[in-house]
Amino acid sequence: MTTIDENTERREHIRAPIELKVEYKKLNTFFADYTKNISKGGTFIRTERPLPVGTEFLFRLVIPKLPEPVELKGTVVWINSREEKARPEVEELGMGIRFVYRDDEQRNQFMQMVEKMMRESLGDLLFSKLMEQESD
């Protein structure tokens, strides 16, 4: 796995296994991939074509029950590339994305959306237990 900073803790927030369609553009080519999981701070996008670590890009998340995709900016903080797939600890090709919010309002709105998706996906009890772990 290639990362921005090998010593940085990769998980600041609890992640939930939520699959969402992700649309983004690279060099005038549009891509549609899917998340494997999501948290308040980032997501893992499954893709055979990860962007280079450090790349900042705009993407759209298609969230069920919303009329339009949510547009966010993110930074690639680590990748699992085809070269690393041979290593046993690499489960899937893709890229870890840290969300970059334009302001506190966008951050708060998106975090509320993520919490709602997590609660709906995991159920109240499991969601509450995970949130307790996050605040520890």
N, C-alpha and C. Protein backbone atom coordinates (compact mmCIF):
# COMPACT_ATOMS: atom_id res chain seq x y z
N MET A 1 0.85 -1.17 0.00
CA MET A 1 0.00 0.00 0.00
C MET A 1 0.89 1.23 0.00
N THR A 2 0.56 2.17 -0.85
CA THR A 2 1.29 3.42 -0.93
C THR A 2 0.47 4.49 -0.21
N THR A 3 1.12 5.27 0.67
CA THR A 3 0.41 6.29 1.44
C THR A 3 1.11 7.63 1.38
N ILE A 4 0.37 8.68 1.75
CA ILE A 4 0.97 10.02 1.87
C ILE A 4 1.98 10.02 2.99
N ASP A 5 1.62 9.47 4.12
CA ASP A 5 2.51 9.45 5.29
C ASP A 5 2.37 8.10 5.96
N GLU A 6 3.37 7.29 5.82
CA GLU A 6 3.31 5.93 6.33
C GLU A 6 3.06 5.88 7.84
N ASN A 7 3.37 6.95 8.58
CA ASN A 7 3.21 6.94 10.03
C ASN A 7 1.87 7.48 10.50
N THR A 8 1.04 7.97 9.59
CA THR A 8 -0.24 8.55 9.97
C THR A 8 -1.26 7.46 10.21
N GLU A 9 -2.03 7.58 11.27
CA GLU A 9 -3.12 6.65 11.55
C GLU A 9 -4.13 6.77 10.42
N ARG A 10 -4.50 5.64 9.83
CA ARG A 10 -5.39 5.68 8.67
C ARG A 10 -6.84 5.89 9.06
N ARG A 11 -7.25 5.55 10.25
CA ARG A 11 -8.66 5.62 10.60
C ARG A 11 -8.91 6.64 11.70
N GLU A 12 -9.44 7.79 11.33
CA GLU A 12 -9.84 8.78 12.33
C GLU A 12 -11.29 8.57 12.73
N HIS A 13 -12.08 8.04 11.80
CA HIS A 13 -13.51 7.86 12.02
C HIS A 13 -13.89 6.40 11.74
N ILE A 14 -14.93 5.97 12.40
CA ILE A 14 -15.45 4.62 12.17
C ILE A 14 -16.04 4.54 10.77
N ARG A 15 -15.74 3.46 10.06
CA ARG A 15 -16.26 3.26 8.71
C ARG A 15 -17.37 2.22 8.73
N ALA A 16 -18.33 2.41 7.83
CA ALA A 16 -19.42 1.45 7.67
C ALA A 16 -19.38 0.91 6.24
N PRO A 17 -19.70 -0.37 6.07
CA PRO A 17 -19.67 -0.98 4.74
C PRO A 17 -20.87 -0.53 3.90
N ILE A 18 -20.77 0.65 3.32
CA ILE A 18 -21.85 1.21 2.51
C ILE A 18 -21.34 1.40 1.09
N GLU A 19 -22.06 0.81 0.14
CA GLU A 19 -21.67 0.91 -1.26
C GLU A 19 -22.46 2.02 -1.93
N LEU A 20 -21.74 2.99 -2.48
CA LEU A 20 -22.34 4.11 -3.21
C LEU A 20 -21.62 4.26 -4.54
N LYS A 21 -22.36 4.65 -5.56
CA LYS A 21 -21.75 4.92 -6.85
C LYS A 21 -20.97 6.23 -6.75
N VAL A 22 -19.76 6.23 -7.31
CA VAL A 22 -18.88 7.40 -7.32
C VAL A 22 -18.57 7.73 -8.78
N GLU A 23 -18.76 8.98 -9.14
CA GLU A 23 -18.44 9.43 -10.49
C GLU A 23 -17.36 10.50 -10.41
N TYR A 24 -16.34 10.38 -11.25
CA TYR A 24 -15.26 11.37 -11.26
C TYR A 24 -14.59 11.37 -12.62
N LYS A 25 -13.77 12.38 -12.86
CA LYS A 25 -13.12 12.55 -14.14
C LYS A 25 -11.61 12.58 -13.95
N LYS A 26 -10.92 11.92 -14.87
CA LYS A 26 -9.45 11.94 -14.88
C LYS A 26 -9.01 12.11 -16.33
N LEU A 27 -8.27 13.17 -16.59
CA LEU A 27 -7.76 13.43 -17.94
C LEU A 27 -8.86 13.34 -19.00
N ASN A 28 -9.95 14.04 -18.77
CA ASN A 28 -11.08 14.11 -19.70
C ASN A 28 -11.81 12.79 -19.92
N THR A 29 -11.58 11.82 -19.05
CA THR A 29 -12.30 10.55 -19.10
C THR A 29 -13.12 10.43 -17.83
N PHE A 30 -14.40 10.10 -17.98
CA PHE A 30 -15.26 9.94 -16.82
C PHE A 30 -15.23 8.49 -16.34
N PHE A 31 -15.20 8.33 -15.02
CA PHE A 31 -15.20 7.01 -14.40
C PHE A 31 -16.38 6.89 -13.46
N ALA A 32 -16.87 5.68 -13.34
CA ALA A 32 -17.91 5.37 -12.35
C ALA A 32 -17.45 4.13 -11.61
N ASP A 33 -17.19 4.28 -10.34
CA ASP A 33 -16.78 3.17 -9.48
C ASP A 33 -17.69 3.15 -8.27
N TYR A 34 -17.37 2.32 -7.28
CA TYR A 34 -18.21 2.20 -6.09
C TYR A 34 -17.36 2.25 -4.83
N THR A 35 -17.95 2.81 -3.78
CA THR A 35 -17.28 2.80 -2.49
C THR A 35 -17.40 1.41 -1.90
N LYS A 36 -16.44 1.05 -1.08
CA LYS A 36 -16.52 -0.18 -0.29
C LYS A 36 -17.04 0.15 1.10
N ASN A 37 -16.64 1.32 1.59
CA ASN A 37 -17.07 1.77 2.91
C ASN A 37 -16.97 3.28 2.95
N ILE A 38 -17.56 3.85 3.99
CA ILE A 38 -17.55 5.30 4.12
C ILE A 38 -17.53 5.68 5.59
N SER A 39 -16.93 6.83 5.87
CA SER A 39 -16.93 7.39 7.22
C SER A 39 -17.17 8.88 7.09
N LYS A 40 -17.17 9.56 8.21
CA LYS A 40 -17.34 11.02 8.17
C LYS A 40 -16.13 11.70 7.54
N GLY A 41 -15.00 11.04 7.55
CA GLY A 41 -13.78 11.67 7.06
C GLY A 41 -13.30 11.21 5.71
N GLY A 42 -13.83 10.08 5.22
CA GLY A 42 -13.33 9.59 3.95
C GLY A 42 -14.04 8.33 3.50
N THR A 43 -13.51 7.75 2.43
CA THR A 43 -14.10 6.55 1.85
C THR A 43 -13.02 5.75 1.14
N PHE A 44 -13.31 4.48 0.88
CA PHE A 44 -12.45 3.65 0.04
C PHE A 44 -13.21 3.42 -1.25
N ILE A 45 -12.61 3.81 -2.37
CA ILE A 45 -13.21 3.61 -3.69
C ILE A 45 -12.55 2.41 -4.33
N ARG A 46 -13.36 1.40 -4.65
CA ARG A 46 -12.84 0.23 -5.36
C ARG A 46 -12.63 0.60 -6.82
N THR A 47 -11.41 0.45 -7.28
CA THR A 47 -11.10 0.76 -8.68
C THR A 47 -9.82 0.06 -9.08
N GLU A 48 -9.75 -0.36 -10.33
CA GLU A 48 -8.52 -0.93 -10.86
C GLU A 48 -7.59 0.16 -11.36
N ARG A 49 -8.07 1.42 -11.34
CA ARG A 49 -7.29 2.55 -11.84
C ARG A 49 -7.17 3.62 -10.76
N PRO A 50 -6.50 3.33 -9.63
CA PRO A 50 -6.40 4.36 -8.59
C PRO A 50 -5.60 5.57 -9.07
N LEU A 51 -6.04 6.73 -8.62
CA LEU A 51 -5.31 7.96 -8.91
C LEU A 51 -4.05 8.00 -8.04
N PRO A 52 -3.05 8.75 -8.43
CA PRO A 52 -1.83 8.81 -7.63
C PRO A 52 -2.08 9.40 -6.23
N VAL A 53 -1.33 8.92 -5.25
CA VAL A 53 -1.40 9.46 -3.90
C VAL A 53 -1.11 10.96 -3.96
N GLY A 54 -1.92 11.73 -3.23
CA GLY A 54 -1.77 13.18 -3.21
C GLY A 54 -2.68 13.91 -4.19
N THR A 55 -3.30 13.17 -5.11
CA THR A 55 -4.20 13.79 -6.08
C THR A 55 -5.44 14.33 -5.38
N GLU A 56 -5.76 15.59 -5.65
CA GLU A 56 -7.01 16.18 -5.15
C GLU A 56 -7.96 16.25 -6.34
N PHE A 57 -9.19 15.79 -6.16
CA PHE A 57 -10.12 15.74 -7.28
C PHE A 57 -11.56 15.92 -6.81
N LEU A 58 -12.41 16.33 -7.75
CA LEU A 58 -13.85 16.45 -7.49
C LEU A 58 -14.52 15.14 -7.86
N PHE A 59 -15.48 14.74 -7.05
CA PHE A 59 -16.24 13.54 -7.38
C PHE A 59 -17.67 13.72 -6.91
N ARG A 60 -18.54 12.87 -7.43
CA ARG A 60 -19.95 12.90 -7.04
C ARG A 60 -20.32 11.55 -6.46
N LEU A 61 -20.98 11.59 -5.31
CA LEU A 61 -21.50 10.39 -4.66
C LEU A 61 -23.00 10.32 -4.91
N VAL A 62 -23.44 9.20 -5.43
CA VAL A 62 -24.87 8.99 -5.66
C VAL A 62 -25.43 8.37 -4.38
N ILE A 63 -26.21 9.15 -3.65
CA ILE A 63 -26.75 8.72 -2.36
C ILE A 63 -28.23 8.42 -2.52
N PRO A 64 -28.66 7.20 -2.16
CA PRO A 64 -30.07 6.86 -2.28
C PRO A 64 -30.95 7.89 -1.55
N LYS A 65 -32.10 8.12 -2.09
CA LYS A 65 -33.11 9.03 -1.54
C LYS A 65 -32.79 10.50 -1.76
N LEU A 66 -31.65 10.82 -2.37
CA LEU A 66 -31.36 12.21 -2.71
C LEU A 66 -31.59 12.40 -4.21
N PRO A 67 -32.22 13.51 -4.60
CA PRO A 67 -32.53 13.70 -6.02
C PRO A 67 -31.30 13.92 -6.89
N GLU A 68 -30.24 14.47 -6.32
CA GLU A 68 -29.02 14.76 -7.07
C GLU A 68 -27.81 14.19 -6.33
N PRO A 69 -26.77 13.81 -7.08
CA PRO A 69 -25.54 13.36 -6.41
C PRO A 69 -24.94 14.49 -5.57
N VAL A 70 -24.18 14.12 -4.55
CA VAL A 70 -23.48 15.08 -3.70
C VAL A 70 -22.08 15.26 -4.28
N GLU A 71 -21.71 16.51 -4.55
CA GLU A 71 -20.38 16.78 -5.10
C GLU A 71 -19.44 17.15 -3.96
N LEU A 72 -18.31 16.47 -3.92
CA LEU A 72 -17.30 16.70 -2.88
C LEU A 72 -15.92 16.75 -3.51
N LYS A 73 -15.00 17.27 -2.75
CA LYS A 73 -13.59 17.23 -3.13
C LYS A 73 -12.92 16.23 -2.20
N GLY A 74 -11.94 15.52 -2.72
CA GLY A 74 -11.21 14.57 -1.90
C GLY A 74 -9.75 14.53 -2.29
N THR A 75 -8.95 13.96 -1.40
CA THR A 75 -7.53 13.76 -1.66
C THR A 75 -7.22 12.27 -1.51
N VAL A 76 -6.50 11.72 -2.48
CA VAL A 76 -6.08 10.32 -2.40
C VAL A 76 -4.97 10.24 -1.36
N VAL A 77 -5.22 9.48 -0.28
CA VAL A 77 -4.22 9.38 0.79
C VAL A 77 -3.48 8.04 0.78
N TRP A 78 -4.05 7.03 0.15
CA TRP A 78 -3.35 5.76 -0.01
C TRP A 78 -4.00 4.98 -1.14
N ILE A 79 -3.23 4.07 -1.73
CA ILE A 79 -3.77 3.24 -2.81
C ILE A 79 -3.35 1.79 -2.63
N ASN A 80 -4.18 0.91 -3.14
CA ASN A 80 -3.84 -0.49 -3.36
C ASN A 80 -3.79 -0.63 -4.87
N SER A 81 -2.61 -0.76 -5.42
CA SER A 81 -2.45 -0.82 -6.87
C SER A 81 -2.28 -2.25 -7.34
N ARG A 82 -2.32 -2.42 -8.65
CA ARG A 82 -2.16 -3.74 -9.26
C ARG A 82 -0.83 -4.37 -8.84
N GLU A 83 0.21 -3.56 -8.72
CA GLU A 83 1.53 -4.08 -8.32
C GLU A 83 1.50 -4.65 -6.91
N GLU A 84 0.68 -4.05 -6.05
CA GLU A 84 0.63 -4.49 -4.65
C GLU A 84 -0.37 -5.62 -4.43
N LYS A 85 -1.19 -5.90 -5.42
CA LYS A 85 -2.23 -6.92 -5.27
C LYS A 85 -1.61 -8.29 -4.97
N ALA A 86 -0.39 -8.51 -5.39
CA ALA A 86 0.27 -9.79 -5.13
C ALA A 86 0.57 -9.99 -3.65
N ARG A 87 0.62 -8.90 -2.88
CA ARG A 87 0.88 -9.02 -1.44
C ARG A 87 -0.37 -9.56 -0.75
N PRO A 88 -0.22 -10.49 0.18
CA PRO A 88 -1.39 -11.12 0.81
C PRO A 88 -2.28 -10.17 1.60
N GLU A 89 -1.71 -9.08 2.14
CA GLU A 89 -2.54 -8.17 2.95
C GLU A 89 -3.40 -7.23 2.10
N VAL A 90 -3.16 -7.18 0.79
CA VAL A 90 -3.94 -6.32 -0.09
C VAL A 90 -5.17 -7.08 -0.55
N GLU A 91 -6.33 -6.66 -0.05
CA GLU A 91 -7.58 -7.36 -0.36
C GLU A 91 -8.18 -6.92 -1.69
N GLU A 92 -8.22 -5.62 -1.93
CA GLU A 92 -8.87 -5.09 -3.12
C GLU A 92 -8.08 -3.93 -3.69
N LEU A 93 -8.17 -3.78 -5.01
CA LEU A 93 -7.58 -2.62 -5.65
C LEU A 93 -8.45 -1.41 -5.37
N GLY A 94 -7.83 -0.27 -5.19
CA GLY A 94 -8.62 0.94 -4.97
C GLY A 94 -7.80 2.03 -4.32
N MET A 95 -8.54 3.03 -3.81
CA MET A 95 -7.88 4.19 -3.22
C MET A 95 -8.64 4.71 -2.02
N GLY A 96 -7.88 5.06 -0.99
CA GLY A 96 -8.45 5.67 0.21
C GLY A 96 -8.51 7.18 0.01
N ILE A 97 -9.69 7.74 0.22
CA ILE A 97 -9.93 9.16 -0.02
C ILE A 97 -10.24 9.87 1.29
N ARG A 98 -9.59 10.99 1.52
CA ARG A 98 -9.94 11.87 2.64
C ARG A 98 -10.77 13.01 2.06
N PHE A 99 -11.95 13.24 2.64
CA PHE A 99 -12.81 14.32 2.17
C PHE A 99 -12.17 15.67 2.49
N VAL A 100 -12.30 16.60 1.56
CA VAL A 100 -11.83 17.97 1.74
C VAL A 100 -13.07 18.86 1.61
N TYR A 101 -13.51 19.41 2.73
CA TYR A 101 -14.74 20.21 2.73
C TYR A 101 -14.42 21.67 2.44
N ARG A 102 -15.30 22.33 1.70
CA ARG A 102 -15.06 23.74 1.36
C ARG A 102 -15.27 24.66 2.55
N ASP A 103 -16.14 24.22 3.51
CA ASP A 103 -16.38 25.03 4.71
C ASP A 103 -17.05 24.15 5.77
N ASP A 104 -17.23 24.71 6.96
CA ASP A 104 -17.83 23.96 8.07
C ASP A 104 -19.26 23.54 7.76
N GLU A 105 -19.99 24.37 7.03
CA GLU A 105 -21.38 24.03 6.70
C GLU A 105 -21.44 22.76 5.85
N GLN A 106 -20.60 22.68 4.82
CA GLN A 106 -20.58 21.48 3.98
C GLN A 106 -20.17 20.27 4.81
N ARG A 107 -19.15 20.44 5.64
CA ARG A 107 -18.68 19.33 6.48
C ARG A 107 -19.80 18.83 7.39
N ASN A 108 -20.47 19.74 8.08
CA ASN A 108 -21.55 19.34 8.99
C ASN A 108 -22.70 18.67 8.26
N GLN A 109 -23.10 19.21 7.11
CA GLN A 109 -24.19 18.62 6.34
C GLN A 109 -23.83 17.21 5.87
N PHE A 110 -22.60 17.06 5.36
CA PHE A 110 -22.21 15.75 4.86
C PHE A 110 -22.06 14.75 6.00
N MET A 111 -21.51 15.17 7.12
CA MET A 111 -21.37 14.26 8.27
C MET A 111 -22.75 13.78 8.74
N GLN A 112 -23.74 14.65 8.72
CA GLN A 112 -25.09 14.24 9.09
C GLN A 112 -25.64 13.21 8.10
N MET A 113 -25.36 13.41 6.80
CA MET A 113 -25.80 12.43 5.79
C MET A 113 -25.14 11.08 6.04
N VAL A 114 -23.84 11.10 6.33
CA VAL A 114 -23.11 9.85 6.57
C VAL A 114 -23.68 9.15 7.81
N GLU A 115 -23.91 9.90 8.87
CA GLU A 115 -24.48 9.29 10.08
C GLU A 115 -25.84 8.66 9.79
N LYS A 116 -26.66 9.34 9.00
CA LYS A 116 -27.98 8.80 8.65
C LYS A 116 -27.84 7.51 7.84
N MET A 117 -26.94 7.50 6.85
CA MET A 117 -26.72 6.28 6.06
C MET A 117 -26.21 5.15 6.94
N MET A 118 -25.30 5.46 7.86
CA MET A 118 -24.75 4.44 8.74
C MET A 118 -25.83 3.87 9.65
N ARG A 119 -26.65 4.75 10.20
CA ARG A 119 -27.73 4.30 11.09
C ARG A 119 -28.71 3.40 10.33
N GLU A 120 -29.07 3.79 9.10
CA GLU A 120 -29.99 3.00 8.29
C GLU A 120 -29.38 1.66 7.89
N SER A 121 -28.09 1.66 7.61
CA SER A 121 -27.41 0.44 7.17
C SER A 121 -27.13 -0.53 8.32
N LEU A 122 -26.71 0.00 9.46
CA LEU A 122 -26.26 -0.83 10.57
C LEU A 122 -27.32 -1.08 11.63
N GLY A 123 -28.33 -0.23 11.68
CA GLY A 123 -29.32 -0.32 12.75
C GLY A 123 -28.89 0.54 13.92
N ASP A 124 -29.86 0.93 14.76
CA ASP A 124 -29.59 1.85 15.86
C ASP A 124 -28.57 1.33 16.86
N LEU A 125 -28.69 0.06 17.25
CA LEU A 125 -27.82 -0.47 18.30
C LEU A 125 -26.36 -0.50 17.86
N LEU A 126 -26.09 -1.10 16.71
CA LEU A 126 -24.72 -1.19 16.22
C LEU A 126 -24.15 0.20 15.92
N PHE A 127 -24.97 1.05 15.33
CA PHE A 127 -24.53 2.42 15.05
C PHE A 127 -24.11 3.12 16.34
N SER A 128 -24.93 3.01 17.37
CA SER A 128 -24.62 3.66 18.66
C SER A 128 -23.33 3.13 19.26
N LYS A 129 -23.12 1.81 19.18
CA LYS A 129 -21.88 1.22 19.72
C LYS A 129 -20.65 1.72 18.95
N LEU A 130 -20.77 1.81 17.63
CA LEU A 130 -19.65 2.29 16.83
C LEU A 130 -19.34 3.76 17.13
N MET A 131 -20.37 4.56 17.31
CA MET A 131 -20.15 5.97 17.61
C MET A 131 -19.50 6.15 18.98
N GLU A 132 -19.83 5.26 19.93
CA GLU A 132 -19.17 5.29 21.24
C GLU A 132 -17.67 5.02 21.08
N GLN A 133 -17.32 4.05 20.22
CA GLN A 133 -15.91 3.73 19.98
C GLN A 133 -15.19 4.91 19.35
N GLU A 134 -15.88 5.61 18.44
CA GLU A 134 -15.26 6.73 17.76
C GLU A 134 -14.93 7.86 18.72
N SER A 135 -15.78 8.06 19.73
CA SER A 135 -15.54 9.16 20.66
C SER A 135 -14.52 8.81 21.74
N ASP A 136 -14.12 7.53 21.82
CA ASP A 136 -13.10 7.12 22.81
C ASP A 136 -11.73 7.61 22.42
